[in-house]
Amino acid sequence: MKSIGAAGILFLRKAVWAPVLVLLIHQLVLRTPWRRELDFSMHFSGGMAAAYLSWHGLHCLAKWIGHLTLTGRWLFSFALACTIGVFWEFAELASDVFRGTHIQQSIHETMGDLIADACGAMLTLFIVGWRMPRDA
C-alpha cells in the first residue's frame, strides 16, 4: 500500500499541477473582458495540460499498468487529451442549455476549440516525446 501512496504523490508532483494551473488561469480569464480573445489560448493550453497529465501519469502508473512503447504512450496521451477536450465542449453545451449561458457561439467556434485542444496536445507530446530517451 505504501508504494501506491508514493506513486500518488509522484503523480501529483509530476503531472497534476499542469491541469490545475490551467483551470486556475481559466477562472481568472473568465472574469476579464478578454475572455473571447483568450479562448483559443485557453483551449490550446488545456490540450497541453491534458496531454502532459496523461504522459506523466502513464509513467507514474507503469508499475501497475505496465510500460507502453513510446508510440503507445504518445497515442494514448493524445487520445485522452482530445477526449477531455470533447467532454469540455459537452460541458459548455450543457451550460448553455441548462443555465442559459452563451459560451458556444457557433459550430465554427466549437470546432476551433477542439482544434486548439488537439494542437496543444500535439505540441506537448512532440516536446516530451522528443526529449525522451529512445530506450525508454
Protein backbone atom coordinates (compact mmCIF):
# COMPACT_ATOMS: atom_id res chain seq x y z
CA MET A 1 0.00 0.00 0.00
CA LYS A 2 2.90 2.31 0.71
CA SER A 3 4.06 2.16 -2.93
CA ILE A 4 0.59 3.24 -4.12
CA GLY A 5 0.82 6.30 -1.89
CA ALA A 6 4.30 7.09 -3.18
CA ALA A 7 3.10 6.74 -6.78
CA GLY A 8 0.18 9.04 -5.99
CA ILE A 9 2.49 11.70 -4.57
CA LEU A 10 4.79 11.38 -7.59
CA PHE A 11 1.77 11.67 -9.92
CA LEU A 12 0.57 14.81 -8.13
CA ARG A 13 4.04 16.35 -8.18
CA LYS A 14 4.93 15.46 -11.77
CA ALA A 15 1.62 15.70 -13.63
CA VAL A 16 -1.44 17.09 -11.87
CA TRP A 17 -0.03 20.59 -11.42
CA ALA A 18 -0.41 21.36 -15.14
CA PRO A 19 -4.20 20.98 -15.50
CA VAL A 20 -4.75 22.56 -12.08
CA LEU A 21 -2.76 25.61 -13.18
CA VAL A 22 -4.72 25.86 -16.45
CA LEU A 23 -8.04 25.61 -14.60
CA LEU A 24 -6.98 28.35 -12.17
CA ILE A 25 -5.90 30.63 -15.02
CA HIS A 26 -9.18 29.83 -16.81
CA GLN A 27 -11.12 31.02 -13.77
CA LEU A 28 -9.16 34.29 -13.82
CA VAL A 29 -9.63 34.77 -17.57
CA LEU A 30 -13.40 34.30 -17.22
CA ARG A 31 -13.51 37.42 -15.06
CA THR A 32 -11.78 39.64 -17.63
CA PRO A 33 -13.15 41.44 -20.68
CA TRP A 34 -10.69 39.40 -22.83
CA ARG A 35 -12.44 36.06 -22.42
CA ARG A 36 -13.27 35.74 -26.14
CA GLU A 37 -9.82 36.85 -27.26
CA LEU A 38 -8.14 34.32 -24.97
CA ASP A 39 -10.48 31.41 -25.74
CA PHE A 40 -8.15 29.78 -28.30
CA SER A 41 -5.17 30.14 -25.96
CA MET A 42 -7.09 28.62 -23.08
CA HIS A 43 -8.17 25.61 -25.15
CA PHE A 44 -4.63 25.23 -26.52
CA SER A 45 -3.17 25.26 -23.01
CA GLY A 46 -5.89 22.86 -21.85
CA GLY A 47 -4.84 20.39 -24.54
CA MET A 48 -1.23 20.83 -23.49
CA ALA A 49 -2.05 20.22 -19.83
CA ALA A 50 -4.22 17.16 -20.53
CA ALA A 51 -1.52 15.56 -22.68
CA TYR A 52 1.14 16.37 -20.08
CA LEU A 53 -1.02 14.83 -17.34
CA SER A 54 -1.56 11.66 -19.33
CA TRP A 55 2.06 11.34 -20.49
CA HIS A 56 3.47 11.59 -16.99
CA GLY A 57 0.57 9.71 -15.43
CA LEU A 58 1.32 6.68 -17.59
CA HIS A 59 4.92 6.78 -16.37
CA CYS A 60 3.89 7.08 -12.71
CA LEU A 61 1.43 4.19 -13.01
CA ALA A 62 3.71 1.92 -15.10
CA LYS A 63 4.22 -0.45 -12.16
CA TRP A 64 0.50 -1.29 -12.20
CA ILE A 65 -0.46 -0.89 -15.85
CA GLY A 66 2.80 -1.91 -17.48
CA HIS A 67 5.20 0.00 -19.67
CA LEU A 68 3.91 1.24 -23.00
CA THR A 69 6.01 1.75 -26.07
CA LEU A 70 6.82 5.34 -26.94
CA THR A 71 4.22 5.21 -29.74
CA GLY A 72 1.60 3.68 -27.47
CA ARG A 73 2.19 6.28 -24.80
CA TRP A 74 2.01 9.07 -27.39
CA LEU A 75 -1.23 7.77 -28.94
CA PHE A 76 -2.92 7.17 -25.59
CA SER A 77 -1.96 10.62 -24.31
CA PHE A 78 -3.15 12.32 -27.50
CA ALA A 79 -6.44 10.41 -27.50
CA LEU A 80 -7.08 11.18 -23.84
CA ALA A 81 -6.32 14.89 -24.31
CA CYS A 82 -8.70 15.07 -27.28
CA THR A 83 -11.39 13.19 -25.36
CA ILE A 84 -11.07 15.61 -22.46
CA GLY A 85 -11.50 18.46 -24.98
CA VAL A 86 -14.69 16.89 -26.34
CA PHE A 87 -16.13 16.46 -22.85
CA TRP A 88 -15.24 20.08 -22.07
CA GLU A 89 -17.32 21.10 -25.10
CA PHE A 90 -20.15 18.88 -23.82
CA ALA A 91 -19.99 20.80 -20.53
CA GLU A 92 -20.10 24.13 -22.37
CA LEU A 93 -23.18 22.96 -24.30
CA ALA A 94 -24.84 21.74 -21.10
CA SER A 95 -24.17 25.12 -19.50
CA ASP A 96 -25.75 26.88 -22.48
CA VAL A 97 -28.82 24.62 -22.45
CA PHE A 98 -29.48 24.31 -18.73
CA ARG A 99 -28.07 27.54 -17.31
CA GLY A 100 -28.82 29.88 -20.20
CA THR A 101 -25.20 30.88 -20.76
CA HIS A 102 -23.87 31.66 -24.23
CA ILE A 103 -20.46 30.01 -24.19
CA GLN A 104 -20.72 28.28 -27.54
CA GLN A 105 -21.23 30.88 -30.23
CA SER A 106 -21.28 28.63 -33.31
CA ILE A 107 -20.19 25.30 -34.67
CA HIS A 108 -17.12 27.06 -36.08
CA GLU A 109 -16.16 28.31 -32.63
CA THR A 110 -16.66 24.84 -31.14
CA MET A 111 -14.58 23.20 -33.86
CA GLY A 112 -11.89 25.83 -33.35
CA ASP A 113 -11.82 24.92 -29.66
CA LEU A 114 -11.38 21.22 -30.48
CA ILE A 115 -8.63 22.03 -32.98
CA ALA A 116 -6.87 24.15 -30.33
CA ASP A 117 -7.10 21.26 -27.84
CA ALA A 118 -5.60 18.83 -30.36
CA CYS A 119 -2.84 21.25 -31.42
CA GLY A 120 -1.86 21.92 -27.79
CA ALA A 121 -1.75 18.18 -27.12
CA MET A 122 0.39 17.54 -30.21
CA LEU A 123 2.86 20.26 -29.30
CA THR A 124 3.30 18.93 -25.78
CA LEU A 125 3.66 15.35 -26.94
CA PHE A 126 6.21 16.27 -29.60
CA ILE A 127 8.24 18.10 -26.97
CA VAL A 128 8.11 15.37 -24.31
CA GLY A 129 8.49 12.60 -26.89
CA TRP A 130 11.50 14.30 -28.45
CA ARG A 131 13.15 14.78 -25.04
CA MET A 132 12.51 11.13 -24.10
CA PRO A 133 15.45 8.74 -24.27
CA ARG A 134 14.95 6.30 -27.15
CA ASP A 135 15.39 3.24 -24.94
CA ALA A 136 12.54 4.27 -22.58
